[in-house]
Amino acid sequence: MLFISAVQIVVLFFLLLIPVVYALILASREQHNMRFLIWGAIILFVPFLGALACILNYHLKKRTAKTT
């Protein structure tokens, strides 16, 4: 049987929490009122995938703005 210790749970929690907090910070910097609320809801309701989508959106938009 597979047992998960308390330390592993805490580490997993922080590994999932770090991208969410980072994505919320990026969304608050980049987006304005309504778009930030939409991104915030996506990030909070679909934590890991929403955060990943927001981070990718931020960096890809930044890269395309730099090249044009």
Protein backbone atom coordinates (compact mmCIF):
# COMPACT_ATOMS: atom_id res chain seq x y z
CA MET A 1 0.00 0.00 0.00
CA LEU A 2 1.17 3.52 -0.79
CA PHE A 3 1.43 5.89 2.17
CA ILE A 4 1.99 9.61 1.84
CA SER A 5 3.72 11.36 4.72
CA ALA A 6 2.88 14.81 6.03
CA VAL A 7 6.09 16.23 4.57
CA GLN A 8 5.19 15.00 1.10
CA ILE A 9 1.74 16.58 1.39
CA VAL A 10 3.22 19.92 2.42
CA VAL A 11 5.77 19.84 -0.42
CA LEU A 12 3.07 18.95 -2.96
CA PHE A 13 0.85 21.73 -1.60
CA PHE A 14 3.60 24.33 -2.04
CA LEU A 15 4.50 23.01 -5.51
CA LEU A 16 0.88 23.56 -6.52
CA LEU A 17 0.55 26.87 -4.68
CA ILE A 18 3.63 28.59 -6.16
CA PRO A 19 2.36 28.66 -9.80
CA VAL A 20 -1.07 29.87 -8.64
CA VAL A 21 0.39 32.79 -6.69
CA TYR A 22 2.80 33.62 -9.53
CA ALA A 23 -0.04 33.57 -12.07
CA LEU A 24 -2.20 35.82 -9.90
CA ILE A 25 0.66 38.30 -9.60
CA LEU A 26 1.24 38.27 -13.37
CA ALA A 27 -2.47 38.66 -14.08
CA SER A 28 -2.80 41.57 -11.67
CA ARG A 29 0.14 43.34 -13.31
CA GLU A 30 -0.92 42.76 -16.89
CA GLN A 31 -4.71 42.74 -16.95
CA HIS A 32 -7.25 45.39 -16.05
CA ASN A 33 -10.47 45.11 -14.03
CA MET A 34 -12.74 42.68 -15.87
CA ARG A 35 -9.99 40.67 -17.54
CA PHE A 36 -8.22 40.27 -14.19
CA LEU A 37 -11.44 39.03 -12.60
CA ILE A 38 -11.87 36.48 -15.38
CA TRP A 39 -8.25 35.30 -15.13
CA GLY A 40 -8.50 35.25 -11.34
CA ALA A 41 -11.60 33.06 -11.49
CA ILE A 42 -9.94 30.69 -13.97
CA ILE A 43 -6.81 30.48 -11.82
CA LEU A 44 -8.75 29.87 -8.61
CA PHE A 45 -11.35 27.42 -9.97
CA VAL A 46 -8.92 25.39 -12.08
CA PRO A 47 -5.77 25.94 -10.01
CA PHE A 48 -2.89 24.27 -11.81
CA LEU A 49 -4.14 24.40 -15.41
CA GLY A 50 -5.50 27.93 -15.01
CA ALA A 51 -2.20 29.12 -13.56
CA LEU A 52 -0.25 27.41 -16.32
CA ALA A 53 -2.48 28.98 -18.98
CA CYS A 54 -2.07 32.44 -17.46
CA ILE A 55 1.72 32.13 -17.19
CA LEU A 56 1.98 30.89 -20.78
CA ASN A 57 -0.32 33.66 -22.00
CA TYR A 58 1.78 36.30 -20.23
CA HIS A 59 5.13 35.08 -21.54
CA LEU A 60 3.93 34.39 -25.10
CA LYS A 61 2.28 37.81 -25.31
CA LYS A 62 5.47 39.41 -23.98
CA ARG A 63 7.58 37.54 -26.56
CA THR A 64 5.36 38.53 -29.50
CA ALA A 65 5.37 42.17 -28.39
CA LYS A 66 9.16 42.10 -28.27
CA THR A 67 9.56 40.64 -31.77
CA THR A 68 7.12 42.98 -33.53
